PDB file of N, CA and C in Angstrom:
ATOM      1  N   MET A   1     -16.260 -11.747 -48.163  1.00  0.00           N
ATOM      2  CA  MET A   1     -14.591 -12.838 -47.752  1.00  0.00           C
ATOM      3  C   MET A   1     -14.831 -11.758 -46.316  1.00  0.00           C
ATOM      4  N   THR A   2     -14.925 -12.630 -45.010  1.00  0.00           N
ATOM      5  CA  THR A   2     -14.580 -12.085 -44.192  1.00  0.00           C
ATOM      6  C   THR A   2     -12.537 -12.109 -43.416  1.00  0.00           C
ATOM      7  N   ILE A   3     -12.291 -10.975 -43.027  1.00  0.00           N
ATOM      8  CA  ILE A   3     -11.149 -10.729 -42.253  1.00  0.00           C
ATOM      9  C   ILE A   3     -10.934 -10.715 -41.211  1.00  0.00           C
ATOM     10  N   ILE A   4     -10.426 -11.495 -40.429  1.00  0.00           N
ATOM     11  CA  ILE A   4     -10.010 -11.529 -39.092  1.00  0.00           C
ATOM     12  C   ILE A   4      -8.650 -10.659 -38.495  1.00  0.00           C
ATOM     13  N   ASP A   5      -8.465  -9.747 -37.641  1.00  0.00           N
ATOM     14  CA  ASP A   5      -7.169  -9.134 -37.671  1.00  0.00           C
ATOM     15  C   ASP A   5      -6.785  -9.590 -36.407  1.00  0.00           C
ATOM     16  N   THR A   6      -5.473 -10.604 -36.294  1.00  0.00           N
ATOM     17  CA  THR A   6      -4.953 -11.587 -35.128  1.00  0.00           C
ATOM     18  C   THR A   6      -3.324 -10.930 -34.750  1.00  0.00           C
ATOM     19  N   THR A   7      -3.360  -9.526 -35.346  1.00  0.00           N
ATOM     20  CA  THR A   7      -2.533  -8.823 -35.058  1.00  0.00           C
ATOM     21  C   THR A   7      -2.021  -8.042 -33.863  1.00  0.00           C
ATOM     22  N   ARG A   8      -3.508  -7.473 -33.109  1.00  0.00           N
ATOM     23  CA  ARG A   8      -3.693  -6.604 -31.941  1.00  0.00           C
ATOM     24  C   ARG A   8      -3.849  -7.583 -30.814  1.00  0.00           C
ATOM     25  N   LEU A   9      -3.087  -7.189 -30.176  1.00  0.00           N
ATOM     26  CA  LEU A   9      -2.475  -7.741 -28.692  1.00  0.00           C
ATOM     27  C   LEU A   9      -4.140  -7.020 -27.951  1.00  0.00           C
ATOM     28  N   SER A  10      -4.476  -8.547 -26.568  1.00  0.00           N
ATOM     29  CA  SER A  10      -5.835  -8.163 -26.028  1.00  0.00           C
ATOM     30  C   SER A  10      -5.498  -7.197 -25.100  1.00  0.00           C
ATOM     31  N   THR A  11      -5.958  -6.321 -24.340  1.00  0.00           N
ATOM     32  CA  THR A  11      -5.847  -5.514 -23.105  1.00  0.00           C
ATOM     33  C   THR A  11      -6.625  -5.871 -22.375  1.00  0.00           C
ATOM     34  N   GLY A  12      -7.638  -6.594 -22.003  1.00  0.00           N
ATOM     35  CA  GLY A  12      -8.616  -7.079 -21.123  1.00  0.00           C
ATOM     36  C   GLY A  12      -7.798  -7.719 -19.816  1.00  0.00           C
ATOM     37  N   GLY A  13      -6.699  -8.227 -19.983  1.00  0.00           N
ATOM     38  CA  GLY A  13      -5.882  -8.635 -18.576  1.00  0.00           C
ATOM     39  C   GLY A  13      -6.470  -9.868 -18.755  1.00  0.00           C
ATOM     40  N   GLY A  14      -6.930 -10.986 -19.559  1.00  0.00           N
ATOM     41  CA  GLY A  14      -7.151 -12.287 -19.197  1.00  0.00           C
ATOM     42  C   GLY A  14      -6.288 -13.047 -17.923  1.00  0.00           C
ATOM     43  N   LEU A  15      -6.926 -14.187 -17.916  1.00  0.00           N
ATOM     44  CA  LEU A  15      -6.155 -14.755 -16.866  1.00  0.00           C
ATOM     45  C   LEU A  15      -4.535 -15.321 -16.967  1.00  0.00           C
ATOM     46  N   MET A  16      -3.910 -15.641 -18.518  1.00  0.00           N
ATOM     47  CA  MET A  16      -3.214 -15.811 -18.425  1.00  0.00           C
ATOM     48  C   MET A  16      -1.579 -14.476 -18.007  1.00  0.00           C
ATOM     49  N   THR A  17      -2.565 -13.218 -18.448  1.00  0.00           N
ATOM     50  CA  THR A  17      -1.927 -11.809 -18.040  1.00  0.00           C
ATOM     51  C   THR A  17      -1.984 -11.867 -16.727  1.00  0.00           C
ATOM     52  N   ARG A  18      -3.177 -12.409 -15.823  1.00  0.00           N
ATOM     53  CA  ARG A  18      -2.699 -12.841 -14.368  1.00  0.00           C
ATOM     54  C   ARG A  18      -2.018 -13.254 -13.857  1.00  0.00           C
ATOM     55  N   LEU A  19      -2.144 -15.032 -14.340  1.00  0.00           N
ATOM     56  CA  LEU A  19      -1.104 -15.694 -13.730  1.00  0.00           C
ATOM     57  C   LEU A  19       0.316 -15.468 -13.888  1.00  0.00           C
ATOM     58  N   LEU A  20       0.651 -14.770 -15.236  1.00  0.00           N
ATOM     59  CA  LEU A  20       1.796 -14.107 -15.327  1.00  0.00           C
ATOM     60  C   LEU A  20       2.498 -13.131 -14.358  1.00  0.00           C
ATOM     61  N   SER A  21       1.389 -12.121 -14.050  1.00  0.00           N
ATOM     62  CA  SER A  21       1.975 -10.952 -12.969  1.00  0.00           C
ATOM     63  C   SER A  21       2.239 -11.715 -11.598  1.00  0.00           C
ATOM     64  N   ILE A  22       1.442 -13.096 -11.158  1.00  0.00           N
ATOM     65  CA  ILE A  22       1.643 -13.396 -10.375  1.00  0.00           C
ATOM     66  C   ILE A  22       2.930 -14.332  -9.861  1.00  0.00           C
ATOM     67  N   VAL A  23       3.473 -14.842 -11.184  1.00  0.00           N
ATOM     68  CA  VAL A  23       4.946 -15.734 -11.126  1.00  0.00           C
ATOM     69  C   VAL A  23       5.663 -14.448 -11.307  1.00  0.00           C
ATOM     70  N   HIS A  24       5.694 -13.174 -11.683  1.00  0.00           N
ATOM     71  CA  HIS A  24       6.271 -12.716 -11.629  1.00  0.00           C
ATOM     72  C   HIS A  24       7.092 -11.855  -9.970  1.00  0.00           C
ATOM     73  N   THR A  25       5.625 -11.371  -9.967  1.00  0.00           N
ATOM     74  CA  THR A  25       5.420 -10.888  -8.375  1.00  0.00           C
ATOM     75  C   THR A  25       6.225 -11.965  -7.183  1.00  0.00           C
ATOM     76  N   VAL A  26       5.842 -13.314  -7.894  1.00  0.00           N
ATOM     77  CA  VAL A  26       6.908 -14.550  -6.616  1.00  0.00           C
ATOM     78  C   VAL A  26       8.321 -14.302  -6.798  1.00  0.00           C
ATOM     79  N   ARG A  27       8.688 -14.457  -8.053  1.00  0.00           N
ATOM     80  CA  ARG A  27      10.175 -14.334  -8.537  1.00  0.00           C
ATOM     81  C   ARG A  27      10.820 -13.197  -8.056  1.00  0.00           C
ATOM     82  N   ALA A  28      10.085 -11.993  -8.257  1.00  0.00           N
ATOM     83  CA  ALA A  28      10.942 -10.844  -6.980  1.00  0.00           C
ATOM     84  C   ALA A  28      11.014 -10.714  -6.156  1.00  0.00           C
ATOM     85  N   TRP A  29      10.197 -11.302  -5.298  1.00  0.00           N
ATOM     86  CA  TRP A  29       9.854 -11.322  -3.835  1.00  0.00           C
ATOM     87  C   TRP A  29      11.283 -12.613  -3.406  1.00  0.00           C
ATOM     88  N   ASN A  30      11.236 -13.481  -3.985  1.00  0.00           N
ATOM     89  CA  ASN A  30      12.324 -14.771  -3.994  1.00  0.00           C
ATOM     90  C   ASN A  30      13.910 -14.445  -4.622  1.00  0.00           C
ATOM     91  N   ASP A  31      13.043 -13.601  -5.139  1.00  0.00           N
ATOM     92  CA  ASP A  31      14.980 -12.432  -5.662  1.00  0.00           C
ATOM     93  C   ASP A  31      15.542 -12.066  -4.373  1.00  0.00           C
ATOM     94  N   ALA A  32      14.748 -10.984  -3.508  1.00  0.00           N
ATOM     95  CA  ALA A  32      14.726 -10.390  -2.661  1.00  0.00           C
ATOM     96  C   ALA A  32      15.361 -11.157  -1.437  1.00  0.00           C
ATOM     97  N   ARG A  33      14.453 -12.174  -1.224  1.00  0.00           N
ATOM     98  CA  ARG A  33      14.551 -13.071  -0.236  1.00  0.00           C
ATOM     99  C   ARG A  33      16.264 -13.166  -0.393  1.00  0.00           C
ATOM    100  N   GLN A  34      16.855 -14.313  -0.940  1.00  0.00           N
ATOM    101  CA  GLN A  34      17.703 -14.703  -1.757  1.00  0.00           C
ATOM    102  C   GLN A  34      18.954 -13.591  -1.619  1.00  0.00           C
ATOM    103  N   THR A  35      18.846 -12.598  -1.650  1.00  0.00           N
ATOM    104  CA  THR A  35      20.268 -11.640  -1.762  1.00  0.00           C
ATOM    105  C   THR A  35      19.899 -11.072  -0.253  1.00  0.00           C
ATOM    106  N   ARG A  36      19.051 -10.861   0.279  1.00  0.00           N
ATOM    107  CA  ARG A  36      18.776 -10.306   1.353  1.00  0.00           C
ATOM    108  C   ARG A  36      19.572 -11.361   2.410  1.00  0.00           C
ATOM    109  N   ARG A  37      19.152 -12.326   2.201  1.00  0.00           N
ATOM    110  CA  ARG A  37      20.088 -13.816   3.295  1.00  0.00           C
ATOM    111  C   ARG A  37      21.484 -13.811   2.552  1.00  0.00           C
ATOM    112  N   ALA A  38      21.507 -13.642   1.658  1.00  0.00           N
ATOM    113  CA  ALA A  38      23.278 -13.728   1.260  1.00  0.00           C
ATOM    114  C   ALA A  38      23.797 -12.540   1.822  1.00  0.00           C
ATOM    115  N   LEU A  39      23.399 -11.438   1.570  1.00  0.00           N
ATOM    116  CA  LEU A  39      24.010  -9.864   2.087  1.00  0.00           C
ATOM    117  C   LEU A  39      24.341 -10.437   4.135  1.00  0.00           C
ATOM    118  N   LEU A  40      22.966 -11.018   4.563  1.00  0.00           N
ATOM    119  CA  LEU A  40      23.511 -10.973   5.777  1.00  0.00           C
ATOM    120  C   LEU A  40      24.006 -12.101   6.297  1.00  0.00           C
ATOM    121  N   ARG A  41      24.831 -12.639   5.000  1.00  0.00           N
ATOM    122  CA  ARG A  41      26.385 -13.977   5.482  1.00  0.00           C
ATOM    123  C   ARG A  41      27.321 -13.528   5.641  1.00  0.00           C
ATOM    124  N   LEU A  42      27.497 -12.203   4.959  1.00  0.00           N
ATOM    125  CA  LEU A  42      28.803 -11.463   5.027  1.00  0.00           C
ATOM    126  C   LEU A  42      29.322 -11.068   6.138  1.00  0.00           C
ATOM    127  N   SER A  43      30.594 -11.131   6.368  1.00  0.00           N
ATOM    128  CA  SER A  43      30.646 -10.358   7.499  1.00  0.00           C
ATOM    129  C   SER A  43      30.851  -8.573   7.281  1.00  0.00           C
ATOM    130  N   GLU A  44      31.149  -7.726   8.431  1.00  0.00           N
ATOM    131  CA  GLU A  44      31.293  -6.663   8.161  1.00  0.00           C
ATOM    132  C   GLU A  44      32.664  -6.314   7.050  1.00  0.00           C
ATOM    133  N   HIS A  45      33.538  -6.345   6.984  1.00  0.00           N
ATOM    134  CA  HIS A  45      34.627  -6.582   6.181  1.00  0.00           C
ATOM    135  C   HIS A  45      34.654  -6.903   4.686  1.00  0.00           C
ATOM    136  N   GLU A  46      33.841  -7.761   4.643  1.00  0.00           N
ATOM    137  CA  GLU A  46      33.507  -8.043   3.415  1.00  0.00           C
ATOM    138  C   GLU A  46      32.290  -7.160   2.615  1.00  0.00           C
ATOM    139  N   LEU A  47      31.019  -6.648   3.767  1.00  0.00           N
ATOM    140  CA  LEU A  47      30.205  -5.522   3.335  1.00  0.00           C
ATOM    141  C   LEU A  47      30.971  -4.229   2.777  1.00  0.00           C
ATOM    142  N   ASP A  48      32.013  -3.822   3.629  1.00  0.00           N
ATOM    143  CA  ASP A  48      33.071  -2.660   3.602  1.00  0.00           C
ATOM    144  C   ASP A  48      33.341  -2.978   2.511  1.00  0.00           C
ATOM    145  N   ASP A  49      33.886  -3.881   1.564  1.00  0.00           N
ATOM    146  CA  ASP A  49      34.746  -3.985   0.741  1.00  0.00           C
ATOM    147  C   ASP A  49      33.776  -4.162  -0.984  1.00  0.00           C
ATOM    148  N   ILE A  50      32.475  -4.005  -0.215  1.00  0.00           N
ATOM    149  CA  ILE A  50      31.655  -4.113  -1.597  1.00  0.00           C
ATOM    150  C   ILE A  50      30.872  -2.266  -1.464  1.00  0.00           C
ATOM    151  N   GLY A  51      31.247  -1.917  -0.529  1.00  0.00           N
ATOM    152  CA  GLY A  51      30.846  -0.632  -0.467  1.00  0.00           C
ATOM    153  C   GLY A  51      29.689  -0.693   0.388  1.00  0.00           C
ATOM    154  N   LEU A  52      29.134  -1.144   1.244  1.00  0.00           N
ATOM    155  CA  LEU A  52      27.556  -1.138   2.119  1.00  0.00           C
ATOM    156  C   LEU A  52      27.786  -1.673   3.363  1.00  0.00           C
ATOM    157  N   CYS A  53      26.637  -1.564   3.931  1.00  0.00           N
ATOM    158  CA  CYS A  53      27.285  -1.188   5.516  1.00  0.00           C
ATOM    159  C   CYS A  53      25.842  -2.006   6.160  1.00  0.00           C
ATOM    160  N   ARG A  54      25.467  -2.926   7.389  1.00  0.00           N
ATOM    161  CA  ARG A  54      24.342  -3.563   7.506  1.00  0.00           C
ATOM    162  C   ARG A  54      23.105  -2.496   7.342  1.00  0.00           C
ATOM    163  N   GLY A  55      23.194  -1.733   7.259  1.00  0.00           N
ATOM    164  CA  GLY A  55      21.806  -0.680   7.204  1.00  0.00           C
ATOM    165  C   GLY A  55      21.431  -0.569   6.006  1.00  0.00           C
ATOM    166  N   ASP A  56      22.511  -1.083   4.795  1.00  0.00           N
ATOM    167  CA  ASP A  56      22.011  -0.815   3.482  1.00  0.00           C
ATOM    168  C   ASP A  56      21.030  -1.889   2.909  1.00  0.00           C
ATOM    169  N   ILE A  57      20.990  -3.247   3.865  1.00  0.00           N
ATOM    170  CA  ILE A  57      20.967  -4.671   3.191  1.00  0.00           C
ATOM    171  C   ILE A  57      19.495  -4.352   2.928  1.00  0.00           C
ATOM    172  N   ASP A  58      18.339  -3.926   4.234  1.00  0.00           N
ATOM    173  CA  ASP A  58      17.072  -4.138   3.767  1.00  0.00           C
ATOM    174  C   ASP A  58      16.638  -3.015   2.467  1.00  0.00           C
ATOM    175  N   ARG A  59      17.355  -1.966   2.241  1.00  0.00           N
ATOM    176  CA  ARG A  59      17.187  -1.018   0.930  1.00  0.00           C
ATOM    177  C   ARG A  59      17.509  -1.936  -0.465  1.00  0.00           C
ATOM    178  N   ILE A  60      18.366  -2.427   0.117  1.00  0.00           N
ATOM    179  CA  ILE A  60      19.224  -3.196  -1.427  1.00  0.00           C
ATOM    180  C   ILE A  60      18.116  -4.588  -1.842  1.00  0.00           C
ATOM    181  N   SER A  61      17.570  -5.104  -0.891  1.00  0.00           N
ATOM    182  CA  SER A  61      16.775  -6.519  -1.086  1.00  0.00           C
ATOM    183  C   SER A  61      15.538  -6.340  -0.801  1.00  0.00           C
ATOM    184  N   ARG A  62      15.475  -4.892  -0.842  1.00  0.00           N
ATOM    185  CA  ARG A  62      13.753  -4.734  -0.891  1.00  0.00           C
ATOM    186  C   ARG A  62      13.347  -5.001  -2.375  1.00  0.00           C
ATOM    187  N   PRO A  63      12.266  -5.938  -2.928  1.00  0.00           N
ATOM    188  CA  PRO A  63      11.647  -6.857  -4.017  1.00  0.00           C
ATOM    189  C   PRO A  63      11.259  -5.277  -4.844  1.00  0.00           C
ATOM    190  N   THR A  64      11.252  -5.714  -6.203  1.00  0.00           N
ATOM    191  CA  THR A  64      11.169  -4.245  -7.194  1.00  0.00           C
ATOM    192  C   THR A  64       9.822  -5.290  -8.017  1.00  0.00           C
ATOM    193  N   TYR A  65       8.680  -4.576  -7.739  1.00  0.00           N
ATOM    194  CA  TYR A  65       7.447  -5.287  -8.329  1.00  0.00           C
ATOM    195  C   TYR A  65       7.140  -4.284  -9.679  1.00  0.00           C
ATOM    196  N   PHE A  66       7.298  -4.697 -10.796  1.00  0.00           N
ATOM    197  CA  PHE A  66       7.207  -3.787 -11.816  1.00  0.00           C
ATOM    198  C   PHE A  66       7.720  -2.487 -12.126  1.00  0.00           C
TER     199      PHE A  66
END
């Protein structure tokens, strides 16, 4: 009788893994873009209310990849 182990995960980095990585990267970039746009629309007073200044926007809205 032959036994096939189907519980091991593939570590080969197949096509699906690469596609999911691309999707994740695009989503992170889009989230960062939307965050930056929203923060840039706020007035100085509104930014101060949440404890930020204009100089913080680029650092905060930087996309995080993995």
